[in-house]
Amino acid sequence: MVHVLAYLLYSLFREANARTPELKTMEVGTARFRLFEAGALLKASHRRIWLHVASHWPGRHLRPQAIHAVAQYTQTLVNLWRTAHLFIQDERTKTRADNC
């Protein structure tokens, strides 16, 4: 079951990155190596988390493109789901929305 969910997440990732030529045809193993597995220095403050990766890391130029594409795609899906009324609101959320 976990493998199926992981593959579905990856297929959504590929769908979100359909306009990036290097990412739309990338296989799971290649994407894992180039984008997700990275040795990095992690610094955290109370406002931000900084991820410093090596300059020779193969996914350095692809990762920001992928993150931006996924953010745009998820916002598009959320807007679509809201217009289709697929989000369930409980009573507390309805009263807060009515008061605003």
C-alpha atoms as a PDB file:
ATOM      1  CA  MET A   1       0.000   0.000   0.000  1.00  0.00           C
ATOM      2  CA  VAL A   2       2.817   2.427   0.806  1.00  0.00           C
ATOM      3  CA  HIS A   3       4.392   1.748  -2.583  1.00  0.00           C
ATOM      4  CA  VAL A   4       1.140   2.623  -4.323  1.00  0.00           C
ATOM      5  CA  LEU A   5       0.841   5.901  -2.415  1.00  0.00           C
ATOM      6  CA  ALA A   6       4.470   6.750  -3.159  1.00  0.00           C
ATOM      7  CA  TYR A   7       3.943   6.090  -6.843  1.00  0.00           C
ATOM      8  CA  LEU A   8       0.780   8.202  -6.878  1.00  0.00           C
ATOM      9  CA  LEU A   9       2.659  11.074  -5.273  1.00  0.00           C
ATOM     10  CA  TYR A  10       5.395  10.718  -7.854  1.00  0.00           C
ATOM     11  CA  SER A  11       2.880  10.674 -10.695  1.00  0.00           C
ATOM     12  CA  LEU A  12       1.389  13.906  -9.357  1.00  0.00           C
ATOM     13  CA  PHE A  13       4.926  15.308  -9.210  1.00  0.00           C
ATOM     14  CA  ARG A  14       5.477  14.385 -12.864  1.00  0.00           C
ATOM     15  CA  GLU A  15       2.110  15.850 -13.817  1.00  0.00           C
ATOM     16  CA  ALA A  16       2.989  19.109 -12.065  1.00  0.00           C
ATOM     17  CA  ASN A  17       6.330  19.233 -13.878  1.00  0.00           C
ATOM     18  CA  ALA A  18       4.979  18.354 -17.318  1.00  0.00           C
ATOM     19  CA  ARG A  19       6.339  21.593 -18.803  1.00  0.00           C
ATOM     20  CA  THR A  20       9.908  20.974 -17.671  1.00  0.00           C
ATOM     21  CA  PRO A  21      11.495  18.707 -20.314  1.00  0.00           C
ATOM     22  CA  GLU A  22      14.093  17.144 -18.006  1.00  0.00           C
ATOM     23  CA  LEU A  23      11.528  16.280 -15.333  1.00  0.00           C
ATOM     24  CA  LYS A  24       8.563  15.089 -17.375  1.00  0.00           C
ATOM     25  CA  THR A  25      10.390  11.987 -18.653  1.00  0.00           C
ATOM     26  CA  MET A  26      12.475  11.284 -15.557  1.00  0.00           C
ATOM     27  CA  GLU A  27      12.029   7.854 -13.978  1.00  0.00           C
ATOM     28  CA  VAL A  28      11.493   7.317 -10.258  1.00  0.00           C
ATOM     29  CA  GLY A  29      15.043   6.194  -9.488  1.00  0.00           C
ATOM     30  CA  THR A  30      16.602   9.043 -11.416  1.00  0.00           C
ATOM     31  CA  ALA A  31      14.373  11.630  -9.752  1.00  0.00           C
ATOM     32  CA  ARG A  32      15.151  10.199  -6.328  1.00  0.00           C
ATOM     33  CA  PHE A  33      18.885  10.450  -7.005  1.00  0.00           C
ATOM     34  CA  ARG A  34      18.867  13.881  -8.669  1.00  0.00           C
ATOM     35  CA  LEU A  35      16.210  15.719  -6.669  1.00  0.00           C
ATOM     36  CA  PHE A  36      15.359  14.075  -3.377  1.00  0.00           C
ATOM     37  CA  GLU A  37      18.590  12.539  -2.098  1.00  0.00           C
ATOM     38  CA  ALA A  38      21.007  15.317  -1.282  1.00  0.00           C
ATOM     39  CA  GLY A  39      23.714  15.795   1.258  1.00  0.00           C
ATOM     40  CA  ALA A  40      23.042  19.236   2.646  1.00  0.00           C
ATOM     41  CA  LEU A  41      23.652  21.545   5.547  1.00  0.00           C
ATOM     42  CA  LEU A  42      20.407  22.426   7.271  1.00  0.00           C
ATOM     43  CA  LYS A  43      20.103  25.658   9.227  1.00  0.00           C
ATOM     44  CA  ALA A  44      16.933  26.659  11.003  1.00  0.00           C
ATOM     45  CA  SER A  45      15.826  29.877  12.602  1.00  0.00           C
ATOM     46  CA  HIS A  46      12.483  30.773  14.111  1.00  0.00           C
ATOM     47  CA  ARG A  47      11.248  32.022  10.712  1.00  0.00           C
ATOM     48  CA  ARG A  48      13.017  29.999   8.028  1.00  0.00           C
ATOM     49  CA  ILE A  49      14.715  26.753   7.211  1.00  0.00           C
ATOM     50  CA  TRP A  50      17.807  27.035   5.015  1.00  0.00           C
ATOM     51  CA  LEU A  51      19.014  24.107   2.948  1.00  0.00           C
ATOM     52  CA  HIS A  52      22.586  24.546   1.677  1.00  0.00           C
ATOM     53  CA  VAL A  53      23.531  21.964  -0.963  1.00  0.00           C
ATOM     54  CA  ALA A  54      26.861  21.396  -2.669  1.00  0.00           C
ATOM     55  CA  SER A  55      27.516  23.234  -5.917  1.00  0.00           C
ATOM     56  CA  HIS A  56      28.277  19.962  -7.729  1.00  0.00           C
ATOM     57  CA  TRP A  57      24.967  18.319  -6.750  1.00  0.00           C
ATOM     58  CA  PRO A  58      23.217  17.217  -9.993  1.00  0.00           C
ATOM     59  CA  GLY A  59      19.781  18.515  -8.973  1.00  0.00           C
ATOM     60  CA  ARG A  60      20.847  21.997  -7.938  1.00  0.00           C
ATOM     61  CA  HIS A  61      19.308  23.747 -10.948  1.00  0.00           C
ATOM     62  CA  LEU A  62      16.267  21.436 -11.261  1.00  0.00           C
ATOM     63  CA  ARG A  63      14.981  21.499  -7.700  1.00  0.00           C
ATOM     64  CA  PRO A  64      13.805  25.157  -7.612  1.00  0.00           C
ATOM     65  CA  GLN A  65      11.980  24.647 -10.916  1.00  0.00           C
ATOM     66  CA  ALA A  66      10.309  21.511  -9.580  1.00  0.00           C
ATOM     67  CA  ILE A  67       9.279  23.173  -6.316  1.00  0.00           C
ATOM     68  CA  HIS A  68       7.791  26.145  -8.162  1.00  0.00           C
ATOM     69  CA  ALA A  69       5.878  23.893 -10.570  1.00  0.00           C
ATOM     70  CA  VAL A  70       4.469  21.781  -7.727  1.00  0.00           C
ATOM     71  CA  ALA A  71       3.388  24.915  -5.817  1.00  0.00           C
ATOM     72  CA  GLN A  72       1.554  26.264  -8.865  1.00  0.00           C
ATOM     73  CA  TYR A  73      -0.043  22.899  -9.605  1.00  0.00           C
ATOM     74  CA  THR A  74      -1.295  22.402  -6.050  1.00  0.00           C
ATOM     75  CA  GLN A  75      -2.756  25.925  -6.013  1.00  0.00           C
ATOM     76  CA  THR A  76      -4.558  25.152  -9.272  1.00  0.00           C
ATOM     77  CA  LEU A  77      -5.936  21.914  -7.794  1.00  0.00           C
ATOM     78  CA  VAL A  78      -7.081  23.653  -4.606  1.00  0.00           C
ATOM     79  CA  ASN A  79      -8.905  26.314  -6.628  1.00  0.00           C
ATOM     80  CA  LEU A  80     -10.517  23.639  -8.779  1.00  0.00           C
ATOM     81  CA  TRP A  81     -11.587  21.615  -5.744  1.00  0.00           C
ATOM     82  CA  ARG A  82     -13.042  24.700  -4.063  1.00  0.00           C
ATOM     83  CA  THR A  83     -15.154  25.538  -7.104  1.00  0.00           C
ATOM     84  CA  ALA A  84     -16.346  21.917  -7.180  1.00  0.00           C
ATOM     85  CA  HIS A  85     -17.129  22.123  -3.411  1.00  0.00           C
ATOM     86  CA  LEU A  86     -14.939  19.126  -2.579  1.00  0.00           C
ATOM     87  CA  PHE A  87     -13.720  20.533   0.736  1.00  0.00           C
ATOM     88  CA  ILE A  88     -15.820  19.609   3.739  1.00  0.00           C
ATOM     89  CA  GLN A  89     -16.338  22.404   6.232  1.00  0.00           C
ATOM     90  CA  ASP A  90     -17.254  21.690   9.795  1.00  0.00           C
ATOM     91  CA  GLU A  91     -19.522  23.985  11.807  1.00  0.00           C
ATOM     92  CA  ARG A  92     -16.610  25.939  13.361  1.00  0.00           C
ATOM     93  CA  THR A  93     -15.163  26.745   9.945  1.00  0.00           C
ATOM     94  CA  LYS A  94     -18.562  27.823   8.591  1.00  0.00           C
ATOM     95  CA  THR A  95     -19.170  30.236  11.461  1.00  0.00           C
ATOM     96  CA  ARG A  96     -15.659  31.712  11.122  1.00  0.00           C
ATOM     97  CA  ALA A  97     -16.146  32.172   7.380  1.00  0.00           C
ATOM     98  CA  ASP A  98     -19.547  33.808   7.936  1.00  0.00           C
ATOM     99  CA  ASN A  99     -18.112  36.252  10.486  1.00  0.00           C
ATOM    100  CA  CYS A 100     -15.289  37.451   8.224  1.00  0.00           C
END
